[in-house]
Amino acid sequence: MSIEVATEPNVHTFDARGVARRFRHSAIFGAIGVLRSGETMRFVNDHDPIPLIAQLRERLGDHLSVTYRQRDPGAIVIDFGISGLPVE
């Protein structure tokens, strides 16, 4: 089973499978936090992160888009897009 890796500009792959479970959410929030409007994090994981998505939606509201690119058992790929944030 192959995983789709980002090759498009402004799309950055984050493979959570290699991050220790106790650090995953902090690492993901940090990665999402540095994205600028118009950028996307292609998130790869071994399970569907439904609680994480709820937390991200709570923090980012309408600035976050969630698009499943692959939803197979053991291979989840989601594009988290950021839009409408003020430029720093």
C-alpha atoms as a PDB file:
ATOM      1  CA  MET A   1       0.000   0.000   0.000  1.00  0.00           C
ATOM      2  CA  SER A   2       1.583   3.275  -1.056  1.00  0.00           C
ATOM      3  CA  ILE A   3       1.201   6.595   0.706  1.00  0.00           C
ATOM      4  CA  GLU A   4       0.804   9.758  -1.322  1.00  0.00           C
ATOM      5  CA  VAL A   5       3.687  12.125  -0.511  1.00  0.00           C
ATOM      6  CA  ALA A   6       3.369  15.831  -1.230  1.00  0.00           C
ATOM      7  CA  THR A   7       5.193  17.143  -4.286  1.00  0.00           C
ATOM      8  CA  GLU A   8       3.104  20.268  -4.885  1.00  0.00           C
ATOM      9  CA  PRO A   9       4.387  23.669  -3.773  1.00  0.00           C
ATOM     10  CA  ASN A  10       2.960  24.840  -0.432  1.00  0.00           C
ATOM     11  CA  VAL A  11       2.072  21.256   0.580  1.00  0.00           C
ATOM     12  CA  HIS A  12       4.259  19.867   3.377  1.00  0.00           C
ATOM     13  CA  THR A  13       4.190  16.210   4.426  1.00  0.00           C
ATOM     14  CA  PHE A  14       4.031  15.347   8.125  1.00  0.00           C
ATOM     15  CA  ASP A  15       4.330  11.599   8.779  1.00  0.00           C
ATOM     16  CA  ALA A  16       3.079  11.068  12.324  1.00  0.00           C
ATOM     17  CA  ARG A  17       3.883   7.355  12.236  1.00  0.00           C
ATOM     18  CA  GLY A  18       7.516   8.101  13.100  1.00  0.00           C
ATOM     19  CA  VAL A  19       6.699  10.333  16.084  1.00  0.00           C
ATOM     20  CA  ALA A  20       6.410   8.775  19.547  1.00  0.00           C
ATOM     21  CA  ARG A  21       2.746   8.673  20.578  1.00  0.00           C
ATOM     22  CA  ARG A  22       3.296  10.788  23.674  1.00  0.00           C
ATOM     23  CA  PHE A  23       4.656  13.648  21.512  1.00  0.00           C
ATOM     24  CA  ARG A  24       2.349  13.393  18.492  1.00  0.00           C
ATOM     25  CA  HIS A  25      -0.314  15.977  19.307  1.00  0.00           C
ATOM     26  CA  SER A  26       2.253  18.566  20.422  1.00  0.00           C
ATOM     27  CA  ALA A  27       4.291  18.013  17.263  1.00  0.00           C
ATOM     28  CA  ILE A  28       1.195  18.242  15.053  1.00  0.00           C
ATOM     29  CA  PHE A  29      -0.043  21.438  16.733  1.00  0.00           C
ATOM     30  CA  GLY A  30       3.440  22.919  16.306  1.00  0.00           C
ATOM     31  CA  ALA A  31       3.568  22.003  12.618  1.00  0.00           C
ATOM     32  CA  ILE A  32       0.072  23.377  11.937  1.00  0.00           C
ATOM     33  CA  GLY A  33       0.973  26.507  13.909  1.00  0.00           C
ATOM     34  CA  VAL A  34       3.758  27.508  11.524  1.00  0.00           C
ATOM     35  CA  LEU A  35       1.705  27.107   8.342  1.00  0.00           C
ATOM     36  CA  ARG A  36       0.767  30.300   6.529  1.00  0.00           C
ATOM     37  CA  SER A  37      -2.467  30.978   4.696  1.00  0.00           C
ATOM     38  CA  GLY A  38      -2.512  29.010   1.466  1.00  0.00           C
ATOM     39  CA  GLU A  39      -0.274  26.243   2.809  1.00  0.00           C
ATOM     40  CA  THR A  40      -1.286  22.651   3.474  1.00  0.00           C
ATOM     41  CA  MET A  41       0.079  19.951   5.738  1.00  0.00           C
ATOM     42  CA  ARG A  42      -0.303  16.481   4.217  1.00  0.00           C
ATOM     43  CA  PHE A  43      -0.751  14.391   7.341  1.00  0.00           C
ATOM     44  CA  VAL A  44       0.094  10.667   7.263  1.00  0.00           C
ATOM     45  CA  ASN A  45      -0.984   8.394  10.105  1.00  0.00           C
ATOM     46  CA  ASP A  46      -1.794   4.765  10.906  1.00  0.00           C
ATOM     47  CA  HIS A  47      -5.279   5.566  12.244  1.00  0.00           C
ATOM     48  CA  ASP A  48      -8.035   8.108  11.671  1.00  0.00           C
ATOM     49  CA  PRO A  49      -7.316  10.998  14.089  1.00  0.00           C
ATOM     50  CA  ILE A  50     -10.925  12.043  14.724  1.00  0.00           C
ATOM     51  CA  PRO A  51     -10.270  13.571  18.204  1.00  0.00           C
ATOM     52  CA  LEU A  52      -7.277  15.488  16.813  1.00  0.00           C
ATOM     53  CA  ILE A  53      -9.372  16.881  13.958  1.00  0.00           C
ATOM     54  CA  ALA A  54     -11.958  18.098  16.484  1.00  0.00           C
ATOM     55  CA  GLN A  55      -9.216  19.839  18.492  1.00  0.00           C
ATOM     56  CA  LEU A  56      -7.771  21.474  15.374  1.00  0.00           C
ATOM     57  CA  ARG A  57     -11.221  22.667  14.283  1.00  0.00           C
ATOM     58  CA  GLU A  58     -11.816  24.101  17.749  1.00  0.00           C
ATOM     59  CA  ARG A  59      -8.522  26.036  17.596  1.00  0.00           C
ATOM     60  CA  LEU A  60      -8.633  27.153  13.964  1.00  0.00           C
ATOM     61  CA  GLY A  61     -12.340  27.268  13.118  1.00  0.00           C
ATOM     62  CA  ASP A  62     -13.052  28.252   9.520  1.00  0.00           C
ATOM     63  CA  HIS A  63      -9.326  28.746   8.831  1.00  0.00           C
ATOM     64  CA  LEU A  64      -8.872  24.951   8.650  1.00  0.00           C
ATOM     65  CA  SER A  65      -9.928  22.688   5.808  1.00  0.00           C
ATOM     66  CA  VAL A  66      -9.785  18.903   6.172  1.00  0.00           C
ATOM     67  CA  THR A  67      -9.573  16.737   3.046  1.00  0.00           C
ATOM     68  CA  TYR A  68      -9.072  12.979   3.223  1.00  0.00           C
ATOM     69  CA  ARG A  69      -6.798  11.839   0.380  1.00  0.00           C
ATOM     70  CA  GLN A  70      -6.535   8.222   1.545  1.00  0.00           C
ATOM     71  CA  ARG A  71      -8.632   6.430   4.133  1.00  0.00           C
ATOM     72  CA  ASP A  72      -7.503   2.813   4.209  1.00  0.00           C
ATOM     73  CA  PRO A  73      -7.000   0.682   7.335  1.00  0.00           C
ATOM     74  CA  GLY A  74      -3.513   1.499   8.611  1.00  0.00           C
ATOM     75  CA  ALA A  75      -2.952   4.236   6.022  1.00  0.00           C
ATOM     76  CA  ILE A  76      -4.665   7.575   6.536  1.00  0.00           C
ATOM     77  CA  VAL A  77      -3.639  10.645   4.531  1.00  0.00           C
ATOM     78  CA  ILE A  78      -5.322  13.976   5.242  1.00  0.00           C
ATOM     79  CA  ASP A  79      -4.641  17.428   3.830  1.00  0.00           C
ATOM     80  CA  PHE A  80      -5.005  20.090   6.515  1.00  0.00           C
ATOM     81  CA  GLY A  81      -5.268  23.392   4.671  1.00  0.00           C
ATOM     82  CA  ILE A  82      -4.932  26.827   6.244  1.00  0.00           C
ATOM     83  CA  SER A  83      -6.650  29.906   4.846  1.00  0.00           C
ATOM     84  CA  GLY A  84      -7.651  33.403   5.867  1.00  0.00           C
ATOM     85  CA  LEU A  85      -5.100  33.864   8.630  1.00  0.00           C
ATOM     86  CA  PRO A  86      -3.505  37.309   8.990  1.00  0.00           C
ATOM     87  CA  VAL A  87      -0.017  37.586   7.515  1.00  0.00           C
ATOM     88  CA  GLU A  88       2.676  37.954  10.152  1.00  0.00           C
END
